[in-house]
Amino acid sequence: MTEVAYLLETRIGPEAEVRFLGDLAAGNFTTDPVLPGDWLRIAELVADYRDLPLGTVDASVIASAERLGVTAIATLHRRHFSVVRPRHVEAFEIFP
């Protein structure tokens, strides 16, 4: 959520960020926390894709997607998510 808020603020403006935060507060979006068991997978992904570099944030999205069975990712980091091979599907469907 922090990356989304940052991108909204820097690329669209603070009003978009405020609307997004209001939507979060209203329950229009849900968040999934990084669970203790995810950290080992995150570390594994960061190590495996260190030449990319993948980074903790994107690795946490992948670890959560694997745990939840999510197959589609909305991201501006198309390169990162198109290179990584998740455990549960051959590749992510990437938007936009």
PDB file of N, CA and C in Angstrom:
ATOM      1  N   MET A   1       0.806  -1.187   0.000  1.00  0.00           N
ATOM      2  CA  MET A   1       0.000   0.000   0.000  1.00  0.00           C
ATOM      3  C   MET A   1       0.862   1.268   0.000  1.00  0.00           C
ATOM      4  N   THR A   2       1.995   1.165   0.665  1.00  0.00           N
ATOM      5  CA  THR A   2       2.844   2.366   0.700  1.00  0.00           C
ATOM      6  C   THR A   2       3.384   2.720  -0.682  1.00  0.00           C
ATOM      7  N   GLU A   3       3.692   1.717  -1.495  1.00  0.00           N
ATOM      8  CA  GLU A   3       4.153   2.019  -2.854  1.00  0.00           C
ATOM      9  C   GLU A   3       3.039   2.630  -3.691  1.00  0.00           C
ATOM     10  N   VAL A   4       1.833   2.119  -3.546  1.00  0.00           N
ATOM     11  CA  VAL A   4       0.699   2.683  -4.282  1.00  0.00           C
ATOM     12  C   VAL A   4       0.491   4.135  -3.863  1.00  0.00           C
ATOM     13  N   ALA A   5       0.487   4.387  -2.570  1.00  0.00           N
ATOM     14  CA  ALA A   5       0.308   5.758  -2.077  1.00  0.00           C
ATOM     15  C   ALA A   5       1.417   6.671  -2.598  1.00  0.00           C
ATOM     16  N   TYR A   6       2.641   6.195  -2.579  1.00  0.00           N
ATOM     17  CA  TYR A   6       3.773   6.983  -3.079  1.00  0.00           C
ATOM     18  C   TYR A   6       3.605   7.298  -4.567  1.00  0.00           C
ATOM     19  N   LEU A   7       3.266   6.301  -5.359  1.00  0.00           N
ATOM     20  CA  LEU A   7       3.095   6.522  -6.794  1.00  0.00           C
ATOM     21  C   LEU A   7       1.950   7.486  -7.077  1.00  0.00           C
ATOM     22  N   LEU A   8       0.855   7.340  -6.360  1.00  0.00           N
ATOM     23  CA  LEU A   8      -0.259   8.276  -6.542  1.00  0.00           C
ATOM     24  C   LEU A   8       0.165   9.700  -6.221  1.00  0.00           C
ATOM     25  N   GLU A   9       0.844   9.871  -5.109  1.00  0.00           N
ATOM     26  CA  GLU A   9       1.254  11.216  -4.679  1.00  0.00           C
ATOM     27  C   GLU A   9       2.240  11.832  -5.657  1.00  0.00           C
ATOM     28  N   THR A  10       3.224  11.067  -6.102  1.00  0.00           N
ATOM     29  CA  THR A  10       4.283  11.629  -6.945  1.00  0.00           C
ATOM     30  C   THR A  10       3.892  11.747  -8.411  1.00  0.00           C
ATOM     31  N   ARG A  11       2.992  10.885  -8.898  1.00  0.00           N
ATOM     32  CA  ARG A  11       2.659  10.898 -10.325  1.00  0.00           C
ATOM     33  C   ARG A  11       1.325  11.555 -10.649  1.00  0.00           C
ATOM     34  N   ILE A  12       0.414  11.517  -9.681  1.00  0.00           N
ATOM     35  CA  ILE A  12      -0.903  12.098  -9.940  1.00  0.00           C
ATOM     36  C   ILE A  12      -1.151  13.298  -9.036  1.00  0.00           C
ATOM     37  N   GLY A  13      -0.760  13.189  -7.764  1.00  0.00           N
ATOM     38  CA  GLY A  13      -0.921  14.304  -6.848  1.00  0.00           C
ATOM     39  C   GLY A  13      -1.513  13.877  -5.526  1.00  0.00           C
ATOM     40  N   PRO A  14      -1.411  14.765  -4.538  1.00  0.00           N
ATOM     41  CA  PRO A  14      -1.870  14.418  -3.199  1.00  0.00           C
ATOM     42  C   PRO A  14      -3.366  14.146  -3.094  1.00  0.00           C
ATOM     43  N   GLU A  15      -4.174  14.764  -3.956  1.00  0.00           N
ATOM     44  CA  GLU A  15      -5.621  14.502  -3.893  1.00  0.00           C
ATOM     45  C   GLU A  15      -5.927  13.043  -4.222  1.00  0.00           C
ATOM     46  N   ALA A  16      -5.222  12.484  -5.196  1.00  0.00           N
ATOM     47  CA  ALA A  16      -5.411  11.065  -5.539  1.00  0.00           C
ATOM     48  C   ALA A  16      -4.974  10.179  -4.380  1.00  0.00           C
ATOM     49  N   GLU A  17      -3.892  10.550  -3.739  1.00  0.00           N
ATOM     50  CA  GLU A  17      -3.417   9.787  -2.582  1.00  0.00           C
ATOM     51  C   GLU A  17      -4.448   9.823  -1.457  1.00  0.00           C
ATOM     52  N   VAL A  18      -5.014  10.995  -1.198  1.00  0.00           N
ATOM     53  CA  VAL A  18      -6.025  11.133  -0.142  1.00  0.00           C
ATOM     54  C   VAL A  18      -7.256  10.286  -0.465  1.00  0.00           C
ATOM     55  N   ARG A  19      -7.682  10.290  -1.724  1.00  0.00           N
ATOM     56  CA  ARG A  19      -8.839   9.460  -2.115  1.00  0.00           C
ATOM     57  C   ARG A  19      -8.534   7.979  -1.915  1.00  0.00           C
ATOM     58  N   PHE A  20      -7.324   7.566  -2.274  1.00  0.00           N
ATOM     59  CA  PHE A  20      -6.925   6.173  -2.087  1.00  0.00           C
ATOM     60  C   PHE A  20      -6.955   5.799  -0.605  1.00  0.00           C
ATOM     61  N   LEU A  21      -6.426   6.656   0.241  1.00  0.00           N
ATOM     62  CA  LEU A  21      -6.429   6.394   1.682  1.00  0.00           C
ATOM     63  C   LEU A  21      -7.850   6.316   2.217  1.00  0.00           C
ATOM     64  N   GLY A  22      -8.727   7.162   1.703  1.00  0.00           N
ATOM     65  CA  GLY A  22     -10.138   7.096   2.084  1.00  0.00           C
ATOM     66  C   GLY A  22     -10.771   5.781   1.661  1.00  0.00           C
ATOM     67  N   ASP A  23     -10.414   5.315   0.456  1.00  0.00           N
ATOM     68  CA  ASP A  23     -10.920   4.017  -0.007  1.00  0.00           C
ATOM     69  C   ASP A  23     -10.423   2.879   0.879  1.00  0.00           C
ATOM     70  N   LEU A  24      -9.166   2.959   1.312  1.00  0.00           N
ATOM     71  CA  LEU A  24      -8.651   1.946   2.238  1.00  0.00           C
ATOM     72  C   LEU A  24      -9.444   1.955   3.538  1.00  0.00           C
ATOM     73  N   ALA A  25      -9.660   3.142   4.071  1.00  0.00           N
ATOM     74  CA  ALA A  25     -10.392   3.273   5.332  1.00  0.00           C
ATOM     75  C   ALA A  25     -11.832   2.765   5.203  1.00  0.00           C
ATOM     76  N   ALA A  26     -12.426   2.948   4.018  1.00  0.00           N
ATOM     77  CA  ALA A  26     -13.806   2.519   3.790  1.00  0.00           C
ATOM     78  C   ALA A  26     -13.921   1.021   3.528  1.00  0.00           C
ATOM     79  N   GLY A  27     -12.788   0.335   3.395  1.00  0.00           N
ATOM     80  CA  GLY A  27     -12.816  -1.096   3.140  1.00  0.00           C
ATOM     81  C   GLY A  27     -12.969  -1.456   1.678  1.00  0.00           C
ATOM     82  N   ASN A  28     -12.766  -0.479   0.786  1.00  0.00           N
ATOM     83  CA  ASN A  28     -12.879  -0.753  -0.649  1.00  0.00           C
ATOM     84  C   ASN A  28     -11.714  -1.592  -1.170  1.00  0.00           C
ATOM     85  N   PHE A  29     -10.626  -1.593  -0.466  1.00  0.00           N
ATOM     86  CA  PHE A  29      -9.472  -2.433  -0.773  1.00  0.00           C
ATOM     87  C   PHE A  29      -9.116  -3.198   0.493  1.00  0.00           C
ATOM     88  N   THR A  30      -8.594  -4.383   0.326  1.00  0.00           N
ATOM     89  CA  THR A  30      -8.114  -5.128   1.476  1.00  0.00           C
ATOM     90  C   THR A  30      -6.611  -5.323   1.345  1.00  0.00           C
ATOM     91  N   THR A  31      -5.964  -5.484   2.464  1.00  0.00           N
ATOM     92  CA  THR A  31      -4.532  -5.724   2.469  1.00  0.00           C
ATOM     93  C   THR A  31      -4.266  -7.091   3.081  1.00  0.00           C
ATOM     94  N   ASP A  32      -3.177  -7.671   2.676  1.00  0.00           N
ATOM     95  CA  ASP A  32      -2.779  -8.960   3.218  1.00  0.00           C
ATOM     96  C   ASP A  32      -1.399  -8.776   3.840  1.00  0.00           C
ATOM     97  N   PRO A  33      -1.257  -9.041   5.123  1.00  0.00           N
ATOM     98  CA  PRO A  33       0.047  -8.837   5.756  1.00  0.00           C
ATOM     99  C   PRO A  33       1.057  -9.899   5.322  1.00  0.00           C
ATOM    100  N   VAL A  34       2.318  -9.539   5.403  1.00  0.00           N
ATOM    101  CA  VAL A  34       3.381 -10.522   5.207  1.00  0.00           C
ATOM    102  C   VAL A  34       3.414 -11.369   6.473  1.00  0.00           C
ATOM    103  N   LEU A  35       3.250 -12.647   6.311  1.00  0.00           N
ATOM    104  CA  LEU A  35       3.229 -13.554   7.459  1.00  0.00           C
ATOM    105  C   LEU A  35       4.642 -14.003   7.808  1.00  0.00           C
ATOM    106  N   PRO A  36       4.856 -14.421   9.054  1.00  0.00           N
ATOM    107  CA  PRO A  36       6.197 -14.861   9.445  1.00  0.00           C
ATOM    108  C   PRO A  36       6.781 -15.919   8.509  1.00  0.00           C
ATOM    109  N   GLY A  37       5.955 -16.829   8.031  1.00  0.00           N
ATOM    110  CA  GLY A  37       6.434 -17.864   7.133  1.00  0.00           C
ATOM    111  C   GLY A  37       6.814 -17.369   5.747  1.00  0.00           C
ATOM    112  N   ASP A  38       6.363 -16.175   5.389  1.00  0.00           N
ATOM    113  CA  ASP A  38       6.694 -15.609   4.080  1.00  0.00           C
ATOM    114  C   ASP A  38       8.136 -15.122   4.001  1.00  0.00           C
ATOM    115  N   TRP A  39       8.725 -14.764   5.134  1.00  0.00           N
ATOM    116  CA  TRP A  39      10.047 -14.121   5.112  1.00  0.00           C
ATOM    117  C   TRP A  39      11.133 -15.013   4.516  1.00  0.00           C
ATOM    118  N   LEU A  40      11.055 -16.310   4.756  1.00  0.00           N
ATOM    119  CA  LEU A  40      12.047 -17.217   4.177  1.00  0.00           C
ATOM    120  C   LEU A  40      11.921 -17.250   2.652  1.00  0.00           C
ATOM    121  N   ARG A  41      10.682 -17.296   2.154  1.00  0.00           N
ATOM    122  CA  ARG A  41      10.470 -17.274   0.703  1.00  0.00           C
ATOM    123  C   ARG A  41      10.917 -15.944   0.113  1.00  0.00           C
ATOM    124  N   ILE A  42      10.662 -14.849   0.799  1.00  0.00           N
ATOM    125  CA  ILE A  42      11.104 -13.529   0.332  1.00  0.00           C
ATOM    126  C   ILE A  42      12.622 -13.505   0.214  1.00  0.00           C
ATOM    127  N   ALA A  43      13.308 -14.001   1.239  1.00  0.00           N
ATOM    128  CA  ALA A  43      14.773 -14.048   1.209  1.00  0.00           C
ATOM    129  C   ALA A  43      15.261 -14.921   0.056  1.00  0.00           C
ATOM    130  N   GLU A  44      14.596 -16.037  -0.165  1.00  0.00           N
ATOM    131  CA  GLU A  44      14.969 -16.938  -1.262  1.00  0.00           C
ATOM    132  C   GLU A  44      14.821 -16.239  -2.617  1.00  0.00           C
ATOM    133  N   LEU A  45      13.720 -15.534  -2.806  1.00  0.00           N
ATOM    134  CA  LEU A  45      13.491 -14.817  -4.061  1.00  0.00           C
ATOM    135  C   LEU A  45      14.519 -13.706  -4.280  1.00  0.00           C
ATOM    136  N   VAL A  46      14.787 -12.938  -3.225  1.00  0.00           N
ATOM    137  CA  VAL A  46      15.780 -11.857  -3.337  1.00  0.00           C
ATOM    138  C   VAL A  46      17.144 -12.438  -3.704  1.00  0.00           C
ATOM    139  N   ALA A  47      17.506 -13.557  -3.093  1.00  0.00           N
ATOM    140  CA  ALA A  47      18.790 -14.195  -3.397  1.00  0.00           C
ATOM    141  C   ALA A  47      18.810 -14.755  -4.813  1.00  0.00           C
ATOM    142  N   ASP A  48      17.739 -15.449  -5.203  1.00  0.00           N
ATOM    143  CA  ASP A  48      17.693 -16.073  -6.525  1.00  0.00           C
ATOM    144  C   ASP A  48      17.706 -15.045  -7.661  1.00  0.00           C
ATOM    145  N   TYR A  49      17.102 -13.895  -7.418  1.00  0.00           N
ATOM    146  CA  TYR A  49      16.992 -12.869  -8.462  1.00  0.00           C
ATOM    147  C   TYR A  49      17.811 -11.630  -8.115  1.00  0.00           C
ATOM    148  N   ARG A  50      18.936 -11.843  -7.452  1.00  0.00           N
ATOM    149  CA  ARG A  50      19.776 -10.710  -7.023  1.00  0.00           C
ATOM    150  C   ARG A  50      20.313  -9.912  -8.201  1.00  0.00           C
ATOM    151  N   ASP A  51      20.476 -10.545  -9.362  1.00  0.00           N
ATOM    152  CA  ASP A  51      20.974  -9.828 -10.533  1.00  0.00           C
ATOM    153  C   ASP A  51      19.909  -8.938 -11.177  1.00  0.00           C
ATOM    154  N   LEU A  52      18.642  -9.147 -10.826  1.00  0.00           N
ATOM    155  CA  LEU A  52      17.563  -8.362 -11.416  1.00  0.00           C
ATOM    156  C   LEU A  52      17.646  -6.895 -11.029  1.00  0.00           C
ATOM    157  N   PRO A  53      17.842  -6.428  -9.879  1.00  0.00           N
ATOM    158  CA  PRO A  53      17.569  -7.012  -8.570  1.00  0.00           C
ATOM    159  C   PRO A  53      16.077  -6.959  -8.278  1.00  0.00           C
ATOM    160  N   LEU A  54      15.589  -7.986  -7.574  1.00  0.00           N
ATOM    161  CA  LEU A  54      14.163  -8.083  -7.294  1.00  0.00           C
ATOM    162  C   LEU A  54      13.760  -7.149  -6.155  1.00  0.00           C
ATOM    163  N   GLY A  55      14.403  -7.261  -5.012  1.00  0.00           N
ATOM    164  CA  GLY A  55      14.069  -6.413  -3.867  1.00  0.00           C
ATOM    165  C   GLY A  55      12.991  -7.015  -2.988  1.00  0.00           C
ATOM    166  N   THR A  56      12.989  -6.590  -1.749  1.00  0.00           N
ATOM    167  CA  THR A  56      12.089  -7.129  -0.734  1.00  0.00           C
ATOM    168  C   THR A  56      10.624  -6.846  -1.034  1.00  0.00           C
ATOM    169  N   VAL A  57      10.313  -5.648  -1.511  1.00  0.00           N
ATOM    170  CA  VAL A  57       8.906  -5.294  -1.740  1.00  0.00           C
ATOM    171  C   VAL A  57       8.293  -6.200  -2.798  1.00  0.00           C
ATOM    172  N   ASP A  58       8.934  -6.301  -3.957  1.00  0.00           N
ATOM    173  CA  ASP A  58       8.386  -7.147  -5.016  1.00  0.00           C
ATOM    174  C   ASP A  58       8.399  -8.617  -4.606  1.00  0.00           C
ATOM    175  N   ALA A  59       9.430  -9.048  -3.898  1.00  0.00           N
ATOM    176  CA  ALA A  59       9.490 -10.431  -3.428  1.00  0.00           C
ATOM    177  C   ALA A  59       8.354 -10.719  -2.446  1.00  0.00           C
ATOM    178  N   SER A  60       7.976  -9.739  -1.633  1.00  0.00           N
ATOM    179  CA  SER A  60       6.878  -9.953  -0.690  1.00  0.00           C
ATOM    180  C   SER A  60       5.549 -10.080  -1.430  1.00  0.00           C
ATOM    181  N   VAL A  61       5.387  -9.353  -2.523  1.00  0.00           N
ATOM    182  CA  VAL A  61       4.178  -9.491  -3.330  1.00  0.00           C
ATOM    183  C   VAL A  61       4.115 -10.898  -3.926  1.00  0.00           C
ATOM    184  N   ILE A  62       5.241 -11.379  -4.419  1.00  0.00           N
ATOM    185  CA  ILE A  62       5.291 -12.721  -5.016  1.00  0.00           C
ATOM    186  C   ILE A  62       5.016 -13.795  -3.967  1.00  0.00           C
ATOM    187  N   ALA A  63       5.642 -13.681  -2.802  1.00  0.00           N
ATOM    188  CA  ALA A  63       5.427 -14.667  -1.736  1.00  0.00           C
ATOM    189  C   ALA A  63       3.962 -14.693  -1.307  1.00  0.00           C
ATOM    190  N   SER A  64       3.358 -13.529  -1.170  1.00  0.00           N
ATOM    191  CA  SER A  64       1.941 -13.463  -0.801  1.00  0.00           C
ATOM    192  C   SER A  64       1.067 -14.048  -1.904  1.00  0.00           C
ATOM    193  N   ALA A  65       1.380 -13.727  -3.154  1.00  0.00           N
ATOM    194  CA  ALA A  65       0.601 -14.262  -4.279  1.00  0.00           C
ATOM    195  C   ALA A  65       0.687 -15.786  -4.314  1.00  0.00           C
ATOM    196  N   GLU A  66       1.873 -16.320  -4.069  1.00  0.00           N
ATOM    197  CA  GLU A  66       2.021 -17.773  -4.031  1.00  0.00           C
ATOM    198  C   GLU A  66       1.166 -18.378  -2.929  1.00  0.00           C
ATOM    199  N   ARG A  67       1.207 -17.782  -1.744  1.00  0.00           N
ATOM    200  CA  ARG A  67       0.454 -18.310  -0.607  1.00  0.00           C
ATOM    201  C   ARG A  67      -1.052 -18.232  -0.846  1.00  0.00           C
ATOM    202  N   LEU A  68      -1.495 -17.169  -1.483  1.00  0.00           N
ATOM    203  CA  LEU A  68      -2.925 -16.947  -1.699  1.00  0.00           C
ATOM    204  C   LEU A  68      -3.442 -17.548  -3.007  1.00  0.00           C
ATOM    205  N   GLY A  69      -2.537 -18.029  -3.860  1.00  0.00           N
ATOM    206  CA  GLY A  69      -2.950 -18.577  -5.147  1.00  0.00           C
ATOM    207  C   GLY A  69      -3.312 -17.523  -6.175  1.00  0.00           C
ATOM    208  N   VAL A  70      -2.817 -16.317  -5.992  1.00  0.00           N
ATOM    209  CA  VAL A  70      -3.094 -15.216  -6.912  1.00  0.00           C
ATOM    210  C   VAL A  70      -2.256 -15.400  -8.173  1.00  0.00           C
ATOM    211  N   THR A  71      -2.883 -15.233  -9.331  1.00  0.00           N
ATOM    212  CA  THR A  71      -2.169 -15.443 -10.585  1.00  0.00           C
ATOM    213  C   THR A  71      -1.993 -14.167 -11.399  1.00  0.00           C
ATOM    214  N   ALA A  72      -2.696 -13.096 -11.038  1.00  0.00           N
ATOM    215  CA  ALA A  72      -2.603 -11.826 -11.759  1.00  0.00           C
ATOM    216  C   ALA A  72      -2.026 -10.755 -10.841  1.00  0.00           C
ATOM    217  N   ILE A  73      -1.114  -9.948 -11.388  1.00  0.00           N
ATOM    218  CA  ILE A  73      -0.452  -8.898 -10.624  1.00  0.00           C
ATOM    219  C   ILE A  73      -0.630  -7.567 -11.351  1.00  0.00           C
ATOM    220  N   ALA A  74      -1.049  -6.540 -10.640  1.00  0.00           N
ATOM    221  CA  ALA A  74      -1.085  -5.182 -11.180  1.00  0.00           C
ATOM    222  C   ALA A  74       0.189  -4.485 -10.702  1.00  0.00           C
ATOM    223  N   THR A  75       1.023  -4.070 -11.642  1.00  0.00           N
ATOM    224  CA  THR A  75       2.314  -3.507 -11.276  1.00  0.00           C
ATOM    225  C   THR A  75       2.869  -2.607 -12.366  1.00  0.00           C
ATOM    226  N   LEU A  76       3.730  -1.696 -11.965  1.00  0.00           N
ATOM    227  CA  LEU A  76       4.505  -0.915 -12.919  1.00  0.00           C
ATOM    228  C   LEU A  76       5.868  -1.549 -13.134  1.00  0.00           C
ATOM    229  N   HIS A  77       6.167  -2.584 -12.366  1.00  0.00           N
ATOM    230  CA  HIS A  77       7.443  -3.307 -12.469  1.00  0.00           C
ATOM    231  C   HIS A  77       7.276  -4.541 -13.349  1.00  0.00           C
ATOM    232  N   ARG A  78       6.773  -4.341 -14.515  1.00  0.00           N
ATOM    233  CA  ARG A  78       6.500  -5.451 -15.446  1.00  0.00           C
ATOM    234  C   ARG A  78       7.731  -6.344 -15.628  1.00  0.00           C
ATOM    235  N   ARG A  79       8.901  -5.736 -15.759  1.00  0.00           N
ATOM    236  CA  ARG A  79      10.126  -6.505 -15.975  1.00  0.00           C
ATOM    237  C   ARG A  79      10.360  -7.509 -14.844  1.00  0.00           C
ATOM    238  N   HIS A  80      10.231  -7.049 -13.604  1.00  0.00           N
ATOM    239  CA  HIS A  80      10.461  -7.930 -12.464  1.00  0.00           C
ATOM    240  C   HIS A  80       9.496  -9.107 -12.454  1.00  0.00           C
ATOM    241  N   PHE A  81       8.228  -8.802 -12.591  1.00  0.00           N
ATOM    242  CA  PHE A  81       7.221  -9.847 -12.449  1.00  0.00           C
ATOM    243  C   PHE A  81       7.132 -10.758 -13.671  1.00  0.00           C
ATOM    244  N   SER A  82       7.655 -10.325 -14.808  1.00  0.00           N
ATOM    245  CA  SER A  82       7.658 -11.199 -15.978  1.00  0.00           C
ATOM    246  C   SER A  82       8.845 -12.161 -15.960  1.00  0.00           C
ATOM    247  N   VAL A  83       9.887 -11.848 -15.205  1.00  0.00           N
ATOM    248  CA  VAL A  83      11.085 -12.698 -15.124  1.00  0.00           C
ATOM    249  C   VAL A  83      10.921 -13.785 -14.059  1.00  0.00           C
ATOM    250  N   VAL A  84      10.349 -13.428 -12.925  1.00  0.00           N
ATOM    251  CA  VAL A  84      10.234 -14.365 -11.799  1.00  0.00           C
ATOM    252  C   VAL A  84       9.263 -15.486 -12.138  1.00  0.00           C
ATOM    253  N   ARG A  85       9.648 -16.699 -11.787  1.00  0.00           N
ATOM    254  CA  ARG A  85       8.795 -17.868 -11.974  1.00  0.00           C
ATOM    255  C   ARG A  85       8.206 -18.269 -10.625  1.00  0.00           C
ATOM    256  N   PRO A  86       6.923 -17.964 -10.417  1.00  0.00           N
ATOM    257  CA  PRO A  86       6.289 -18.338  -9.154  1.00  0.00           C
ATOM    258  C   PRO A  86       6.135 -19.843  -9.028  1.00  0.00           C
ATOM    259  N   ARG A  87       5.943 -20.281  -7.806  1.00  0.00           N
ATOM    260  CA  ARG A  87       5.824 -21.720  -7.540  1.00  0.00           C
ATOM    261  C   ARG A  87       4.490 -22.304  -7.991  1.00  0.00           C
ATOM    262  N   HIS A  88       3.455 -21.495  -8.017  1.00  0.00           N
ATOM    263  CA  HIS A  88       2.101 -22.031  -8.203  1.00  0.00           C
ATOM    264  C   HIS A  88       1.545 -21.923  -9.629  1.00  0.00           C
ATOM    265  N   VAL A  89       2.191 -21.146 -10.479  1.00  0.00           N
ATOM    266  CA  VAL A  89       1.794 -21.027 -11.883  1.00  0.00           C
ATOM    267  C   VAL A  89       3.048 -20.848 -12.723  1.00  0.00           C
ATOM    268  N   GLU A  90       2.914 -21.077 -14.019  1.00  0.00           N
ATOM    269  CA  GLU A  90       4.070 -20.923 -14.899  1.00  0.00           C
ATOM    270  C   GLU A  90       4.569 -19.486 -14.931  1.00  0.00           C
ATOM    271  N   ALA A  91       3.620 -18.537 -14.961  1.00  0.00           N
ATOM    272  CA  ALA A  91       3.956 -17.101 -14.974  1.00  0.00           C
ATOM    273  C   ALA A  91       2.763 -16.312 -14.494  1.00  0.00           C
ATOM    274  N   PHE A  92       3.022 -15.100 -14.001  1.00  0.00           N
ATOM    275  CA  PHE A  92       1.929 -14.220 -13.600  1.00  0.00           C
ATOM    276  C   PHE A  92       1.316 -13.565 -14.825  1.00  0.00           C
ATOM    277  N   GLU A  93      -0.001 -13.321 -14.749  1.00  0.00           N
ATOM    278  CA  GLU A  93      -0.650 -12.438 -15.696  1.00  0.00           C
ATOM    279  C   GLU A  93      -0.419 -11.025 -15.161  1.00  0.00           C
ATOM    280  N   ILE A  94       0.124 -10.141 -15.972  1.00  0.00           N
ATOM    281  CA  ILE A  94       0.555  -8.834 -15.498  1.00  0.00           C
ATOM    282  C   ILE A  94      -0.316  -7.727 -16.097  1.00  0.00           C
ATOM    283  N   PHE A  95      -0.776  -6.835 -15.235  1.00  0.00           N
ATOM    284  CA  PHE A  95      -1.566  -5.667 -15.638  1.00  0.00           C
ATOM    285  C   PHE A  95      -0.853  -4.410 -15.182  1.00  0.00           C
ATOM    286  N   PRO A  96      -0.886  -3.267 -15.756  1.00  0.00           N
ATOM    287  CA  PRO A  96      -1.554  -3.006 -17.016  1.00  0.00           C
ATOM    288  C   PRO A  96      -0.724  -3.495 -18.164  1.00  0.00           C
TER     289      PRO A  96
END
